[in-house]
Amino acid sequence: MAEVAQKVLTWDEYVRGEPADLERYEIVDGVVIELPASSIGHQRVVRRLLRLLEDFVSSRNLGEIFPAPLDVVVQRNPIRTRQPDLLFVRAENVPNLDKQQERLEFAPDLVIEVFSPSDSLSELLKKLNDYHRIGVKEVWLVNPLTRTVEVLARQEGGWELVGVFKETETVQSRVLLELNLPVAQIFEGA
């Protein structure tokens, strides 16, 4: 990931719309980091997950699924944001979302990160720490290379591994309890 800004971005600058020329970025302690373009395979997996989860969530009126780019504010000072590939907000929190809202300033219930070849373990661990700190209940780590979905549930002291689900298995979620999602469906056509 490449740093874009030479100076540290403030909350006020961010609220005014900086960085104006970027769509996919995260801000870590005020430093704008441009996220690399996604591969076709990555986009196919994200699109597939979006369709499958949107069908499940909307048919049961559970809430809403949002794709990137949508900033999740981790902290205001120094400013830190994340842009997960997908996130889920429970129905009871959806009325708090204004259609013109440009960022999410509370923890989503579920965050999904689809691995890219450019992702590093150290960056992933920093994201997981941020998600835990703000109270995200569950994180899915989707790996197109191994065709697996790792599900982590938030516990007081860190993340608990719910499971690493393979192509022949079904994803188990503690946030979307009735979900019956075969892992193979996620990777169809990817």
Protein backbone atom coordinates (compact mmCIF):
# COMPACT_ATOMS: atom_id res chain seq x y z
CA MET A 1 0.00 0.00 0.00
CA ALA A 2 1.32 3.40 -0.92
CA GLU A 3 1.15 6.44 1.31
CA VAL A 4 -0.56 9.29 -0.51
CA ALA A 5 -0.39 12.23 1.88
CA GLN A 6 2.82 13.88 3.05
CA LYS A 7 1.06 15.58 5.93
CA VAL A 8 -1.16 14.19 8.63
CA LEU A 9 -4.85 14.57 7.77
CA THR A 10 -7.09 16.00 10.49
CA TRP A 11 -10.69 15.05 11.24
CA ASP A 12 -11.91 18.43 9.94
CA GLU A 13 -10.06 17.99 6.64
CA TYR A 14 -11.47 14.49 6.31
CA VAL A 15 -15.05 15.66 6.98
CA ARG A 16 -14.60 18.37 4.31
CA GLY A 17 -13.92 15.62 1.78
CA GLU A 18 -10.20 14.99 1.72
CA PRO A 19 -8.73 13.03 0.07
CA ALA A 20 -11.00 14.16 -2.77
CA ASP A 21 -9.18 12.37 -5.58
CA LEU A 22 -9.20 8.85 -4.09
CA GLU A 23 -11.95 6.27 -3.77
CA ARG A 24 -10.19 3.26 -2.20
CA TYR A 25 -8.03 4.28 0.73
CA GLU A 26 -7.61 3.90 4.44
CA ILE A 27 -6.32 6.49 6.86
CA VAL A 28 -3.94 5.31 9.56
CA ASP A 29 -3.09 7.89 12.21
CA GLY A 30 -3.80 10.68 9.73
CA VAL A 31 -1.72 9.23 6.88
CA VAL A 32 -3.75 8.45 3.75
CA ILE A 33 -2.88 5.06 2.30
CA GLU A 34 -4.18 4.33 -1.17
CA LEU A 35 -5.40 0.76 -1.53
CA PRO A 36 -4.20 -1.07 -4.64
CA ALA A 37 -6.65 -1.88 -7.42
CA SER A 38 -8.39 -5.23 -6.94
CA SER A 39 -7.86 -8.15 -9.29
CA ILE A 40 -10.67 -9.59 -11.38
CA GLY A 41 -10.74 -12.69 -9.16
CA HIS A 42 -11.00 -10.55 -6.01
CA GLN A 43 -13.86 -8.53 -7.49
CA ARG A 44 -15.70 -11.68 -8.56
CA VAL A 45 -15.51 -13.09 -5.02
CA VAL A 46 -16.70 -9.79 -3.50
CA ARG A 47 -19.54 -9.52 -6.03
CA ARG A 48 -20.58 -13.13 -5.41
CA LEU A 49 -20.54 -12.67 -1.62
CA LEU A 50 -22.51 -9.45 -1.94
CA ARG A 51 -25.24 -11.18 -3.96
CA LEU A 52 -25.44 -14.24 -1.70
CA LEU A 53 -25.48 -12.26 1.54
CA GLU A 54 -27.81 -9.56 0.22
CA ASP A 55 -30.34 -12.23 -0.77
CA PHE A 56 -30.12 -13.84 2.67
CA VAL A 57 -30.19 -10.61 4.70
CA SER A 58 -32.93 -8.83 2.73
CA SER A 59 -35.23 -11.87 2.56
CA ARG A 60 -35.22 -11.97 6.37
CA ASN A 61 -35.14 -8.20 6.99
CA LEU A 62 -31.97 -8.63 9.05
CA GLY A 63 -30.29 -5.37 8.00
CA GLU A 64 -28.08 -4.23 5.13
CA ILE A 65 -24.89 -5.33 3.41
CA PHE A 66 -22.60 -2.55 2.13
CA PRO A 67 -19.66 -2.97 -0.28
CA ALA A 68 -16.49 -0.87 -0.35
CA PRO A 69 -15.79 1.93 -0.63
CA LEU A 70 -17.42 2.94 2.65
CA ASP A 71 -15.27 4.29 5.46
CA VAL A 72 -15.58 2.79 8.91
CA VAL A 73 -14.25 5.33 11.40
CA VAL A 74 -12.00 3.71 13.99
CA GLN A 75 -10.98 6.93 15.74
CA ARG A 76 -11.10 10.67 15.12
CA ASN A 77 -7.79 11.80 16.60
CA PRO A 78 -5.51 10.88 15.04
CA ILE A 79 -7.93 9.92 12.32
CA ARG A 80 -8.08 6.25 11.42
CA THR A 81 -10.51 4.66 8.95
CA ARG A 82 -10.87 1.25 7.35
CA GLN A 83 -12.66 0.16 4.18
CA PRO A 84 -13.60 -3.51 4.43
CA ASP A 85 -14.67 -5.24 1.23
CA LEU A 86 -18.15 -5.88 2.70
CA LEU A 87 -19.87 -5.04 5.94
CA PHE A 88 -23.19 -5.90 7.55
CA VAL A 89 -25.29 -3.60 9.75
CA ARG A 90 -28.18 -5.08 11.75
CA ALA A 91 -31.70 -3.82 11.05
CA GLU A 92 -31.95 -2.01 14.40
CA ASN A 93 -28.96 0.17 13.41
CA VAL A 94 -30.06 0.84 9.81
CA PRO A 95 -32.53 3.63 10.78
CA ASN A 96 -29.51 5.50 12.17
CA LEU A 97 -28.04 5.67 8.66
CA ASP A 98 -28.82 8.77 6.63
CA LYS A 99 -28.91 8.20 2.85
CA GLN A 100 -26.40 11.04 2.47
CA GLN A 101 -24.07 9.63 5.13
CA GLU A 102 -20.52 9.28 3.85
CA ARG A 103 -19.05 7.14 6.61
CA LEU A 104 -19.96 4.67 9.33
CA GLU A 105 -19.16 5.98 12.81
CA PHE A 106 -20.16 2.88 14.77
CA ALA A 107 -19.04 -0.73 14.56
CA PRO A 108 -20.67 -2.84 11.89
CA ASP A 109 -21.82 -6.24 13.13
CA LEU A 110 -19.86 -8.17 10.51
CA VAL A 111 -16.85 -7.23 8.39
CA ILE A 112 -15.59 -9.25 5.42
CA GLU A 113 -12.06 -8.93 4.07
CA VAL A 114 -11.21 -10.74 0.83
CA PHE A 115 -7.47 -11.38 0.57
CA SER A 116 -5.45 -9.97 -2.29
CA PRO A 117 -1.89 -10.97 -3.20
CA SER A 118 -0.72 -7.51 -2.05
CA ASP A 119 -2.11 -8.00 1.50
CA SER A 120 0.45 -8.51 4.25
CA LEU A 121 -0.03 -10.34 7.53
CA SER A 122 1.07 -7.29 9.52
CA GLU A 123 -1.56 -5.07 7.83
CA LEU A 124 -4.23 -7.71 8.39
CA LEU A 125 -3.37 -7.90 12.09
CA LYS A 126 -3.63 -4.09 12.37
CA LYS A 127 -7.07 -4.18 10.74
CA LEU A 128 -8.21 -6.98 13.04
CA ASN A 129 -7.02 -4.96 16.04
CA ASP A 130 -8.97 -1.92 14.82
CA TYR A 131 -12.12 -3.96 14.21
CA HIS A 132 -11.86 -5.52 17.66
CA ARG A 133 -11.27 -2.16 19.31
CA ILE A 134 -14.44 -0.60 17.88
CA GLY A 135 -16.59 -3.65 18.69
CA VAL A 136 -17.10 -5.51 15.40
CA LYS A 137 -18.75 -8.79 16.43
CA GLU A 138 -17.45 -11.00 13.62
CA VAL A 139 -14.85 -10.92 10.84
CA TRP A 140 -14.64 -13.18 7.81
CA LEU A 141 -11.27 -13.60 6.12
CA VAL A 142 -11.93 -14.91 2.63
CA ASN A 143 -8.96 -16.43 0.81
CA PRO A 144 -9.45 -17.00 -2.94
CA LEU A 145 -6.11 -18.86 -3.21
CA THR A 146 -6.95 -21.53 -0.62
CA ARG A 147 -10.69 -21.19 -1.28
CA THR A 148 -11.42 -20.92 2.43
CA VAL A 149 -13.38 -18.64 4.75
CA GLU A 150 -11.97 -18.06 8.22
CA VAL A 151 -14.57 -16.80 10.70
CA LEU A 152 -13.47 -14.93 13.83
CA ALA A 153 -15.82 -13.97 16.67
CA ARG A 154 -15.08 -11.10 19.03
CA GLN A 155 -14.27 -12.03 22.62
CA GLU A 156 -13.23 -9.74 25.46
CA GLY A 157 -9.48 -10.32 25.04
CA GLY A 158 -9.26 -10.89 21.29
CA TRP A 159 -10.64 -12.98 18.46
CA GLU A 160 -11.94 -16.52 18.81
CA LEU A 161 -11.65 -18.81 15.80
CA VAL A 162 -15.11 -20.10 14.91
CA GLY A 163 -13.64 -22.13 12.06
CA VAL A 164 -11.75 -22.24 8.80
CA PHE A 165 -14.32 -23.44 6.30
CA LYS A 166 -13.18 -25.23 3.13
CA GLU A 167 -14.84 -25.54 -0.26
CA THR A 168 -16.70 -28.70 0.77
CA GLU A 169 -18.08 -27.06 3.93
CA THR A 170 -20.67 -24.45 4.93
CA VAL A 171 -19.79 -21.12 6.56
CA GLN A 172 -20.86 -20.94 10.21
CA SER A 173 -21.65 -17.46 11.50
CA ARG A 174 -22.53 -16.26 14.99
CA VAL A 175 -23.92 -13.00 13.60
CA LEU A 176 -26.01 -14.48 10.77
CA LEU A 177 -27.25 -17.52 12.69
CA GLU A 178 -29.54 -19.07 10.08
CA LEU A 179 -27.03 -18.66 7.26
CA ASN A 180 -26.45 -21.81 5.22
CA LEU A 181 -23.75 -20.70 2.79
CA PRO A 182 -21.67 -23.38 1.05
CA VAL A 183 -18.12 -22.09 0.62
CA ALA A 184 -18.04 -23.46 -2.95
CA GLN A 185 -20.78 -20.96 -3.92
CA ILE A 186 -18.57 -18.05 -2.89
CA PHE A 187 -15.83 -19.06 -5.31
CA GLU A 188 -18.01 -20.05 -8.30
CA GLY A 189 -16.61 -18.35 -11.38
CA ALA A 190 -13.74 -16.69 -9.50
